[in-house]
N, C-alpha and C. Protein backbone atom coordinates (compact mmCIF):
# COMPACT_ATOMS: atom_id res chain seq x y z
N MET A 1 0.40 -1.12 0.38
CA MET A 1 0.00 -0.19 -0.01
C MET A 1 0.71 1.07 0.09
N LYS A 2 0.46 2.05 -0.73
CA LYS A 2 1.50 3.58 -0.72
C LYS A 2 0.15 4.68 -0.35
N TYR A 3 1.06 5.05 1.35
CA TYR A 3 0.24 6.39 1.69
C TYR A 3 0.91 7.42 1.00
N LEU A 4 0.20 8.25 0.98
CA LEU A 4 0.50 10.06 0.75
C LEU A 4 -0.29 10.65 1.51
N LEU A 5 0.68 11.53 2.12
CA LEU A 5 0.24 12.59 2.99
C LEU A 5 0.00 13.98 2.31
N LEU A 6 -1.13 14.75 2.04
CA LEU A 6 -1.25 15.81 1.13
C LEU A 6 -1.39 17.05 2.08
N GLY A 7 -0.12 17.77 2.64
CA GLY A 7 -0.39 18.41 2.84
C GLY A 7 -0.64 19.85 2.71
N ASN A 8 -0.88 21.51 3.20
CA ASN A 8 -1.23 22.08 2.37
C ASN A 8 -0.03 23.31 2.85
N GLY A 9 1.27 22.67 2.25
CA GLY A 9 2.26 23.52 1.66
C GLY A 9 2.60 23.61 0.49
N GLU A 10 3.07 24.26 -0.05
CA GLU A 10 3.54 24.21 -1.04
C GLU A 10 4.18 23.29 -1.65
N ILE A 11 4.17 22.65 -2.81
CA ILE A 11 4.14 21.53 -2.99
C ILE A 11 4.38 21.82 -5.35
N ASP A 12 5.84 20.67 -5.96
CA ASP A 12 5.78 21.29 -6.80
C ASP A 12 5.00 21.32 -7.77
N ASP A 13 5.09 22.19 -9.14
CA ASP A 13 3.88 21.86 -9.26
C ASP A 13 3.68 20.43 -10.80
N GLY A 14 5.06 20.15 -10.89
CA GLY A 14 5.16 19.01 -11.61
C GLY A 14 5.38 18.05 -11.28
N ALA A 15 4.68 18.08 -9.60
CA ALA A 15 4.12 16.47 -9.01
C ALA A 15 3.07 15.80 -9.20
N ASP A 16 3.12 14.49 -9.34
CA ASP A 16 1.94 14.28 -9.65
C ASP A 16 2.04 12.40 -8.87
N PHE A 17 1.03 12.35 -8.31
CA PHE A 17 0.86 10.83 -7.29
C PHE A 17 0.29 9.88 -8.06
N PRO A 18 -0.10 9.15 -8.90
CA PRO A 18 -0.97 8.35 -9.54
C PRO A 18 -1.03 7.51 -8.46
N ALA A 19 0.30 6.65 -8.45
CA ALA A 19 0.82 5.45 -7.71
C ALA A 19 -0.77 5.10 -6.50
N ALA A 20 -0.46 6.33 -5.70
CA ALA A 20 -0.77 6.88 -4.50
C ALA A 20 -1.98 5.94 -3.83
N ASP A 21 -2.44 4.57 -3.49
CA ASP A 21 -3.33 3.73 -2.79
C ASP A 21 -4.24 4.27 -2.05
N CYS A 22 -3.44 5.81 -0.68
CA CYS A 22 -3.90 6.03 0.02
C CYS A 22 -3.67 7.44 0.23
N VAL A 23 -4.61 8.16 -0.02
CA VAL A 23 -4.47 9.67 0.23
C VAL A 23 -5.59 10.82 1.38
N VAL A 24 -4.32 11.31 2.38
CA VAL A 24 -4.39 11.47 3.30
C VAL A 24 -4.70 13.65 2.59
N GLN A 25 -5.96 13.98 3.68
CA GLN A 25 -5.66 15.30 3.39
C GLN A 25 -6.13 16.13 4.80
N PHE A 26 -6.14 17.42 4.88
CA PHE A 26 -6.15 17.91 5.94
C PHE A 26 -6.33 19.44 5.81
N ASN A 27 -7.95 19.29 6.48
CA ASN A 27 -8.52 20.58 6.90
C ASN A 27 -9.05 21.03 5.54
N LEU A 28 -8.42 22.06 4.94
CA LEU A 28 -9.13 22.68 3.15
C LEU A 28 -8.72 22.02 2.09
N CYS A 29 -7.90 20.80 2.10
CA CYS A 29 -7.69 20.46 1.22
C CYS A 29 -7.03 21.12 0.19
N ARG A 30 -6.18 22.10 -0.08
CA ARG A 30 -5.35 22.68 -0.63
C ARG A 30 -5.19 22.03 -2.17
N HIS A 31 -4.30 21.08 -2.31
CA HIS A 31 -4.87 20.60 -3.20
C HIS A 31 -5.19 19.15 -3.85
N ARG A 32 -6.30 19.58 -3.31
CA ARG A 32 -7.57 18.41 -3.63
C ARG A 32 -6.93 17.80 -5.38
N ALA A 33 -6.59 18.81 -6.31
CA ALA A 33 -7.32 18.28 -7.14
C ALA A 33 -6.21 17.21 -7.56
N ARG A 34 -5.19 16.83 -6.79
CA ARG A 34 -3.76 15.69 -7.40
C ARG A 34 -4.47 14.49 -6.56
N VAL A 35 -5.41 14.35 -6.44
CA VAL A 35 -5.89 13.46 -5.53
C VAL A 35 -6.61 12.11 -6.53
N PRO A 36 -5.50 11.24 -6.78
CA PRO A 36 -6.37 10.49 -7.62
C PRO A 36 -7.11 10.00 -7.01
N ALA A 37 -8.33 9.61 -8.62
CA ALA A 37 -9.15 9.15 -8.22
C ALA A 37 -9.66 7.61 -7.54
N GLN A 38 -9.04 7.13 -7.98
CA GLN A 38 -8.66 5.45 -7.78
C GLN A 38 -8.30 5.38 -5.95
N ALA A 39 -7.76 6.27 -5.69
CA ALA A 39 -7.02 6.38 -4.20
C ALA A 39 -8.16 6.38 -2.80
N ARG A 40 -8.24 5.46 -1.92
CA ARG A 40 -8.46 5.39 -0.90
C ARG A 40 -8.68 7.13 -0.13
N ARG A 41 -9.65 7.70 0.19
CA ARG A 41 -9.40 9.12 1.02
C ARG A 41 -10.10 9.47 2.05
N TYR A 42 -9.00 10.38 2.55
CA TYR A 42 -9.01 10.69 4.41
C TYR A 42 -8.53 11.82 4.36
N VAL A 43 -9.69 12.88 4.93
CA VAL A 43 -9.88 14.08 5.45
C VAL A 43 -9.51 13.78 6.73
N PHE A 44 -8.11 14.49 7.60
CA PHE A 44 -8.14 15.14 8.45
C PHE A 44 -8.62 16.23 9.16
N ILE A 45 -9.43 16.60 10.32
CA ILE A 45 -9.91 17.95 10.40
C ILE A 45 -9.68 18.05 11.83
N SER A 46 -9.02 19.31 11.85
CA SER A 46 -8.75 19.57 13.38
C SER A 46 -10.18 19.69 14.17
N ASN A 47 -10.67 19.03 15.04
CA ASN A 47 -12.13 19.52 15.84
C ASN A 47 -11.77 19.90 17.23
N THR A 48 -10.94 21.08 16.82
CA THR A 48 -10.82 21.96 18.45
C THR A 48 -10.69 22.91 17.95
N GLY A 49 -10.73 23.74 18.18
CA GLY A 49 -10.41 25.49 17.99
C GLY A 49 -11.47 25.82 17.29
N SER A 50 -11.16 27.33 16.72
CA SER A 50 -11.76 28.02 15.16
C SER A 50 -11.25 27.34 14.10
N PRO A 51 -10.49 26.56 13.95
CA PRO A 51 -10.68 25.93 12.68
C PRO A 51 -11.28 25.02 12.13
N THR A 52 -12.40 24.30 13.19
CA THR A 52 -12.95 23.45 13.16
C THR A 52 -14.10 24.13 12.02
N GLU A 53 -15.10 25.30 12.23
CA GLU A 53 -15.91 25.93 11.57
C GLU A 53 -15.56 25.90 10.14
N ARG A 54 -14.10 26.36 9.91
CA ARG A 54 -13.75 26.72 8.56
C ARG A 54 -13.84 25.34 7.84
N SER A 55 -13.33 24.45 8.29
CA SER A 55 -13.30 22.88 7.24
C SER A 55 -14.06 22.86 7.69
N VAL A 56 -15.26 22.51 8.22
CA VAL A 56 -16.68 22.01 8.03
C VAL A 56 -17.49 22.52 6.95
N ALA A 57 -17.10 23.85 7.37
CA ALA A 57 -17.60 24.33 6.05
C ALA A 57 -17.21 24.37 4.86
N PHE A 58 -15.91 24.61 4.55
CA PHE A 58 -15.18 24.43 3.78
C PHE A 58 -15.69 22.67 2.79
N ILE A 59 -15.80 21.26 3.97
CA ILE A 59 -16.33 20.08 3.28
C ILE A 59 -17.65 20.13 2.60
N LEU A 60 -18.40 21.10 3.18
CA LEU A 60 -20.34 20.58 2.94
C LEU A 60 -19.77 21.61 1.18
N ALA A 61 -19.35 23.01 1.30
CA ALA A 61 -19.58 23.31 -0.24
C ALA A 61 -18.94 22.66 -1.50
N GLU A 62 -18.03 22.10 -0.86
CA GLU A 62 -16.95 21.07 -2.02
C GLU A 62 -17.62 19.94 -2.15
N ARG A 63 -19.15 19.47 -1.23
CA ARG A 63 -18.90 18.43 -1.28
C ARG A 63 -19.20 17.16 -2.04
N ASP A 64 -19.24 17.97 -3.32
CA ASP A 64 -18.92 17.03 -5.10
C ASP A 64 -17.54 17.00 -5.78
N HIS A 65 -16.76 16.69 -4.87
CA HIS A 65 -15.40 17.37 -5.92
C HIS A 65 -15.18 15.56 -5.60
N PRO A 66 -14.25 15.12 -6.40
CA PRO A 66 -13.99 14.28 -6.53
C PRO A 66 -12.94 13.43 -5.38
N ALA A 67 -11.60 14.40 -4.86
CA ALA A 67 -11.31 14.50 -3.86
C ALA A 67 -12.03 14.28 -2.74
N LEU A 68 -12.74 14.44 -2.53
CA LEU A 68 -14.08 14.92 -0.89
C LEU A 68 -14.81 13.76 -0.98
N ARG A 69 -15.55 13.98 -2.05
CA ARG A 69 -16.09 12.82 -2.02
C ARG A 69 -16.26 11.38 -2.09
N GLY A 70 -16.92 10.88 -0.88
CA GLY A 70 -16.48 9.55 -0.54
C GLY A 70 -15.68 9.12 0.59
N ALA A 71 -14.65 10.35 0.96
CA ALA A 71 -13.45 10.37 1.68
C ALA A 71 -14.20 9.99 2.75
N VAL A 72 -13.26 9.75 3.99
CA VAL A 72 -13.89 9.36 5.44
C VAL A 72 -12.69 10.64 5.85
N ILE A 73 -13.93 11.37 7.08
CA ILE A 73 -13.54 12.62 7.61
C ILE A 73 -13.10 11.55 9.00
N VAL A 74 -11.29 12.38 9.18
CA VAL A 74 -11.49 11.59 10.54
C VAL A 74 -11.36 13.14 11.21
N CYS A 75 -11.95 13.05 12.25
CA CYS A 75 -11.66 13.92 13.77
C CYS A 75 -10.26 13.61 14.75
N ALA A 76 -9.10 14.56 14.01
CA ALA A 76 -7.67 14.08 14.63
C ALA A 76 -7.58 14.44 15.92
N ARG A 77 -8.64 14.87 17.14
CA ARG A 77 -8.16 15.39 18.15
C ARG A 77 -9.37 14.15 19.45
N ASN A 78 -8.54 13.10 20.01
CA ASN A 78 -10.58 12.52 20.40
C ASN A 78 -10.82 13.66 21.56
N PRO A 79 -11.80 12.82 21.79
CA PRO A 79 -12.71 14.06 22.74
C PRO A 79 -12.69 14.06 24.57
N LEU A 80 -12.60 13.05 24.73
CA LEU A 80 -11.61 12.59 26.32
C LEU A 80 -10.33 13.00 26.31
N PHE A 81 -9.41 12.63 25.46
CA PHE A 81 -7.95 13.05 26.02
C PHE A 81 -8.19 14.63 25.83
N TYR A 82 -8.67 15.54 25.11
CA TYR A 82 -8.67 16.75 24.42
C TYR A 82 -9.57 17.17 26.31
N ARG A 83 -10.31 17.00 26.36
CA ARG A 83 -11.25 17.69 27.60
C ARG A 83 -10.62 17.52 28.81
N LEU A 84 -9.57 16.20 29.03
CA LEU A 84 -9.12 15.99 29.75
C LEU A 84 -7.64 16.85 30.10
N LYS A 85 -6.80 17.06 28.72
CA LYS A 85 -5.93 17.87 29.00
C LYS A 85 -5.70 19.17 28.65
N GLN A 86 -7.06 19.64 28.37
CA GLN A 86 -8.02 20.86 28.51
C GLN A 86 -7.48 21.36 30.04
N ALA A 87 -8.37 20.48 30.43
CA ALA A 87 -9.20 20.66 32.21
C ALA A 87 -7.41 20.77 32.50
N GLY A 88 -6.53 20.00 32.53
CA GLY A 88 -5.47 20.01 33.04
C GLY A 88 -4.34 21.17 32.44
N LEU A 89 -4.51 22.11 31.74
CA LEU A 89 -3.91 23.26 31.46
C LEU A 89 -4.98 24.45 31.74
N ARG A 90 -6.11 24.51 32.03
CA ARG A 90 -6.69 25.51 32.52
C ARG A 90 -6.89 25.73 34.10
N LEU A 91 -6.47 24.81 34.75
CA LEU A 91 -6.25 24.06 36.17
C LEU A 91 -5.07 25.03 36.22
N ARG A 92 -3.86 24.95 35.23
CA ARG A 92 -2.81 25.64 35.61
C ARG A 92 -2.48 26.87 34.60
N ARG A 93 -3.56 27.30 34.14
CA ARG A 93 -4.21 28.65 33.54
C ARG A 93 -2.45 29.08 32.54
N ALA A 94 -2.54 27.90 31.78
CA ALA A 94 -1.50 27.48 30.42
C ALA A 94 -2.48 28.88 29.79
N ALA A 95 -1.41 29.60 28.73
CA ALA A 95 -2.32 30.21 28.16
C ALA A 95 -3.31 30.41 26.97
N LEU A 96 -2.46 28.62 26.17
CA LEU A 96 -3.44 28.25 25.39
C LEU A 96 -4.11 27.21 25.47
N TRP A 97 -5.21 27.00 27.08
CA TRP A 97 -5.92 26.31 26.92
C TRP A 97 -7.25 26.17 26.42
N ARG A 98 -7.81 27.84 26.09
CA ARG A 98 -8.74 27.84 25.22
C ARG A 98 -9.34 26.85 24.13
N ASP A 99 -7.85 26.57 23.10
CA ASP A 99 -7.68 26.23 22.01
C ASP A 99 -8.05 24.69 21.72
N PHE A 100 -7.81 23.96 23.22
CA PHE A 100 -8.38 22.67 23.47
C PHE A 100 -9.97 22.42 23.41
N THR A 101 -10.71 23.49 23.61
CA THR A 101 -12.04 23.57 23.42
C THR A 101 -12.45 22.28 21.87
N LEU A 102 -13.28 21.40 22.43
CA LEU A 102 -13.16 20.97 21.25
C LEU A 102 -14.74 21.19 20.24
N SER A 103 -15.29 21.16 19.25
CA SER A 103 -16.25 21.49 18.46
C SER A 103 -17.08 20.46 18.01
N ASP A 104 -18.54 20.45 17.92
CA ASP A 104 -19.42 19.99 17.68
C ASP A 104 -20.11 19.46 15.90
N ALA A 105 -18.97 20.81 15.33
CA ALA A 105 -19.56 21.06 13.96
C ALA A 105 -19.32 19.72 13.11
N PRO A 106 -18.22 18.96 13.49
CA PRO A 106 -17.64 17.66 12.72
C PRO A 106 -19.05 16.64 12.15
N ARG A 107 -20.78 17.40 13.63
CA ARG A 107 -20.84 16.00 13.18
C ARG A 107 -22.05 16.53 11.85
N ARG A 108 -22.48 17.84 11.03
CA ARG A 108 -22.78 18.38 10.43
C ARG A 108 -22.83 17.62 8.77
N LEU A 109 -21.36 17.00 9.53
CA LEU A 109 -21.20 16.37 8.08
C LEU A 109 -20.76 14.78 8.36
N GLY A 110 -21.91 14.27 9.13
CA GLY A 110 -22.62 12.16 9.19
C GLY A 110 -23.23 12.34 8.82
N GLU A 111 -24.19 13.04 7.67
CA GLU A 111 -24.49 12.66 6.52
C GLU A 111 -24.57 12.32 5.47
N ALA A 112 -23.52 12.70 5.05
CA ALA A 112 -22.48 12.90 3.98
C ALA A 112 -21.82 12.47 3.79
N TRP A 113 -20.84 11.75 4.91
CA TRP A 113 -19.84 11.28 5.15
C TRP A 113 -18.85 9.91 6.65
N ARG A 114 -18.55 9.08 6.31
CA ARG A 114 -17.74 8.56 7.48
C ARG A 114 -17.79 9.12 8.42
N VAL A 115 -17.20 9.84 9.45
CA VAL A 115 -16.87 10.51 9.96
C VAL A 115 -16.43 9.15 11.61
N GLU A 116 -14.79 9.48 11.74
CA GLU A 116 -14.20 8.95 12.77
C GLU A 116 -13.48 9.81 13.50
N THR A 117 -13.38 9.35 14.60
CA THR A 117 -12.52 9.98 15.41
C THR A 117 -11.39 9.10 16.45
N ILE A 118 -9.83 9.85 16.59
CA ILE A 118 -8.86 8.84 16.89
C ILE A 118 -9.24 8.63 18.06
N GLY A 119 -8.72 7.92 18.42
CA GLY A 119 -9.10 6.45 19.68
C GLY A 119 -7.72 6.83 20.56
N PHE A 120 -8.93 7.43 22.20
CA PHE A 120 -8.04 7.49 23.29
C PHE A 120 -6.98 7.32 23.47
N TRP A 121 -6.20 5.94 23.14
CA TRP A 121 -5.00 5.15 23.94
C TRP A 121 -4.02 5.34 22.38
N ASN A 122 -4.34 5.58 21.22
CA ASN A 122 -3.62 6.33 19.94
C ASN A 122 -3.37 8.09 20.61
N ALA A 123 -4.19 8.94 21.18
CA ALA A 123 -4.09 10.12 21.39
C ALA A 123 -3.06 9.89 22.47
N LEU A 124 -3.17 9.19 23.09
CA LEU A 124 -1.99 9.39 24.78
C LEU A 124 -0.75 8.40 23.79
N GLY A 125 -0.69 7.72 23.22
CA GLY A 125 0.20 7.31 22.84
C GLY A 125 1.36 8.66 22.37
N LEU A 126 0.80 9.01 21.33
CA LEU A 126 1.48 10.20 20.60
C LEU A 126 1.68 11.45 21.40
N GLU A 127 1.14 11.65 22.52
CA GLU A 127 1.22 12.62 23.10
C GLU A 127 2.31 12.00 24.40
N TRP A 128 3.07 11.35 24.34
CA TRP A 128 3.70 10.31 25.12
C TRP A 128 5.05 10.69 24.69
N ARG A 129 4.76 10.18 23.24
CA ARG A 129 5.71 10.41 21.87
C ARG A 129 6.48 11.79 21.99
N MET A 130 5.55 12.32 21.62
CA MET A 130 6.07 14.14 21.29
C MET A 130 5.70 14.43 22.65
N ARG A 131 6.12 14.52 23.99
CA ARG A 131 6.63 14.81 25.14
C ARG A 131 8.34 14.70 25.54
N ARG A 132 8.52 12.76 24.94
CA ARG A 132 9.33 12.50 25.11
C ARG A 132 10.61 13.20 24.59
N GLU A 133 10.03 13.58 23.49
CA GLU A 133 9.96 14.17 22.04
C GLU A 133 10.62 15.52 22.73
N GLY A 134 10.60 16.29 23.80
CA GLY A 134 10.57 17.37 23.97
C GLY A 134 9.08 18.76 24.21
N MET A 135 7.93 18.37 23.73
CA MET A 135 6.69 18.57 23.34
C MET A 135 6.38 19.64 24.80
N PRO A 136 6.04 21.18 24.57
CA PRO A 136 6.06 21.33 26.10
C PRO A 136 4.35 20.94 26.44
N ALA A 137 4.16 20.88 27.34
CA ALA A 137 2.80 20.56 27.83
C ALA A 137 1.24 21.19 27.52
N ALA A 138 1.75 22.46 27.09
CA ALA A 138 0.12 23.35 26.79
C ALA A 138 0.68 23.61 24.85
N HIS A 139 1.73 22.65 24.32
CA HIS A 139 1.14 22.19 22.77
C HIS A 139 0.32 21.13 22.24
N MET A 140 0.04 20.83 21.32
CA MET A 140 -0.47 19.91 20.73
C MET A 140 0.20 19.42 19.19
N PRO A 141 0.05 18.17 19.27
CA PRO A 141 0.59 17.84 18.20
C PRO A 141 -0.42 18.18 17.19
N SER A 142 -0.55 18.77 15.49
CA SER A 142 -0.85 19.00 14.38
C SER A 142 -2.03 17.78 13.65
N THR A 143 -2.74 18.81 13.02
CA THR A 143 -3.29 17.31 12.44
C THR A 143 -2.79 16.72 11.39
N GLY A 144 -1.49 17.39 11.04
CA GLY A 144 -0.34 16.25 10.02
C GLY A 144 -0.09 15.56 10.99
N MET A 145 0.47 15.73 11.72
CA MET A 145 1.17 15.31 13.08
C MET A 145 0.62 13.59 13.30
N ILE A 146 -0.93 14.36 13.62
CA ILE A 146 -1.85 13.14 13.92
C ILE A 146 -1.69 12.23 12.61
N ALA A 147 -1.87 12.73 11.66
CA ALA A 147 -2.48 11.53 10.57
C ALA A 147 -1.23 10.85 9.98
N PHE A 148 -0.05 11.48 10.42
CA PHE A 148 1.22 10.65 10.67
C PHE A 148 1.35 9.15 11.26
N ASP A 149 1.27 9.68 11.94
CA ASP A 149 1.23 8.31 13.39
C ASP A 149 -0.13 7.69 12.98
N TRP A 150 -1.29 8.02 12.62
CA TRP A 150 -2.49 7.59 12.29
C TRP A 150 -1.75 5.84 11.28
N ALA A 151 -0.97 6.90 9.67
CA ALA A 151 -0.62 6.33 8.67
C ALA A 151 0.93 5.15 9.25
N ARG A 152 1.88 5.43 10.18
CA ARG A 152 2.61 4.80 10.31
C ARG A 152 1.71 3.31 11.58
N ARG A 153 0.78 3.62 12.11
CA ARG A 153 0.41 2.64 12.64
C ARG A 153 -0.97 1.62 11.59
N ARG A 154 -1.06 1.60 10.66
CA ARG A 154 -1.42 1.51 9.87
C ARG A 154 -0.80 0.77 9.09
N MET A 155 0.61 1.09 8.73
CA MET A 155 1.58 0.38 7.55
C MET A 155 2.06 -1.03 8.08
N ARG A 156 1.94 -1.95 6.95
CA ARG A 156 2.69 -3.14 7.04
C ARG A 156 4.14 -3.34 6.16
N SER A 157 4.69 -4.66 6.56
CA SER A 157 5.91 -4.96 5.58
C SER A 157 5.89 -4.38 4.15
N GLY A 158 6.58 -3.72 3.48
CA GLY A 158 5.98 -3.70 2.10
C GLY A 158 5.45 -2.45 1.63
N ASP A 159 4.97 -1.24 3.14
CA ASP A 159 4.52 -0.38 2.98
C ASP A 159 4.93 0.69 2.38
N SER A 160 4.42 1.69 1.53
CA SER A 160 5.39 2.87 1.80
C SER A 160 4.61 4.07 2.39
N LEU A 161 5.40 5.23 2.68
CA LEU A 161 4.26 6.65 3.08
C LEU A 161 5.28 7.75 2.44
N GLU A 162 4.59 8.53 1.53
CA GLU A 162 5.50 10.07 0.75
C GLU A 162 4.87 10.85 1.53
N LEU A 163 5.35 12.32 1.80
CA LEU A 163 5.45 13.48 2.61
C LEU A 163 4.94 14.47 0.89
N ALA A 164 3.63 15.10 0.71
CA ALA A 164 4.13 16.30 -0.19
C ALA A 164 3.65 17.71 0.55
N GLY A 165 4.14 18.27 0.64
CA GLY A 165 3.43 19.92 1.18
C GLY A 165 3.29 20.24 3.08
N PHE A 166 4.61 19.66 3.08
CA PHE A 166 4.35 20.18 4.54
C PHE A 166 5.83 20.79 5.01
N ALA A 167 4.93 22.09 5.58
CA ALA A 167 6.17 23.05 5.66
C ALA A 167 6.82 23.09 6.97
N TRP A 168 5.77 22.36 7.99
CA TRP A 168 6.57 22.52 9.18
C TRP A 168 6.44 24.11 10.21
N LYS A 169 5.47 24.43 9.69
CA LYS A 169 5.21 25.94 10.09
C LYS A 169 3.52 26.81 10.33
N GLY A 170 3.32 27.78 11.04
CA GLY A 170 2.23 27.89 11.45
C GLY A 170 1.49 27.82 12.90
N TRP A 171 0.65 27.55 13.68
CA TRP A 171 0.19 28.07 14.68
C TRP A 171 1.37 27.71 15.73
N GLU A 172 1.13 28.93 16.65
CA GLU A 172 1.96 28.48 18.07
C GLU A 172 2.61 27.41 18.87
N GLY A 173 1.25 26.67 18.64
CA GLY A 173 0.54 25.56 19.91
C GLY A 173 1.32 24.78 19.00
N HIS A 174 2.07 24.14 18.12
CA HIS A 174 1.83 23.07 17.62
C HIS A 174 4.41 22.82 17.88
N PRO A 175 4.56 21.45 18.16
CA PRO A 175 6.22 21.19 18.45
C PRO A 175 6.39 21.18 16.74
N TRP A 176 6.54 22.53 16.14
CA TRP A 176 6.62 22.11 14.19
C TRP A 176 8.63 21.44 14.23
N GLU A 177 9.68 22.16 14.94
CA GLU A 177 10.82 21.54 14.91
C GLU A 177 10.65 20.12 14.99
N ILE A 178 10.37 19.34 16.34
CA ILE A 178 9.98 18.10 16.51
C ILE A 178 9.31 17.57 15.80
N GLU A 179 8.17 17.68 15.23
CA GLU A 179 7.51 16.88 14.07
C GLU A 179 7.96 16.66 12.88
N ARG A 180 8.87 18.09 12.16
CA ARG A 180 9.79 17.71 11.29
C ARG A 180 10.43 16.86 11.71
N ARG A 181 11.56 16.48 13.03
CA ARG A 181 12.35 15.48 12.77
C ARG A 181 11.43 14.48 12.94
N LEU A 182 10.92 14.35 13.24
CA LEU A 182 10.00 12.63 13.50
C LEU A 182 9.34 12.15 12.31
N MET A 183 9.43 13.04 11.60
CA MET A 183 8.21 12.79 10.46
C MET A 183 9.88 12.81 8.72
N GLU A 184 10.21 12.99 8.94
CA GLU A 184 11.73 13.18 8.28
C GLU A 184 11.98 11.86 7.39
N PRO A 185 12.29 11.67 6.92
CA PRO A 185 12.46 9.74 6.01
C PRO A 185 13.96 9.35 6.32
N GLU A 186 14.12 7.90 6.81
CA GLU A 186 15.24 7.94 7.55
C GLU A 186 16.43 7.88 7.05
N ASP A 187 16.33 8.20 5.86
CA ASP A 187 17.62 8.22 4.89
C ASP A 187 18.21 9.54 4.89
N SER A 188 17.03 10.44 5.45
CA SER A 188 17.49 12.35 4.90
C SER A 188 17.91 11.85 6.35
N LYS A 189 18.15 11.80 7.35
CA LYS A 189 18.55 11.53 8.78
C LYS A 189 19.90 11.93 8.80
């Protein structure tokens, strides 16, 4: 199985991904025109903070786009885990605690798409891994990092994983340099 994680950063205009068996996009699916029609499609969305409404509105407006039609929508943040983490951050008066607020907006997608959520133990496992690498307690993995972890857990011997469109920058609550280090291909380290 050939997995492709298609971020929202810049991609070479000549890049083509016809051999991808499984394509994962994020939030506003910037490069949806590059998704092979025959690929399994997943769209990971942030279901915390303000980006959720924007992503849900976008997906509903683009419901007939071939890259979105029939895709599985994955809420990247486990509700129980993020409620617990938010409560801990709030007790410590961490500046970003409000950004951990969950949104019910993805429920609107349930009529037209299969909607899944990352499991509690998977969220906890990634948190532990990221914290061991130096992620501050008040940060959270990006939606792209969560999808990367999801794909790595699904991979079997002989599978491959390609990343395109990852810039590892954006919201200050994500540990971008840690994510870059963890997501780099082994042969480039």
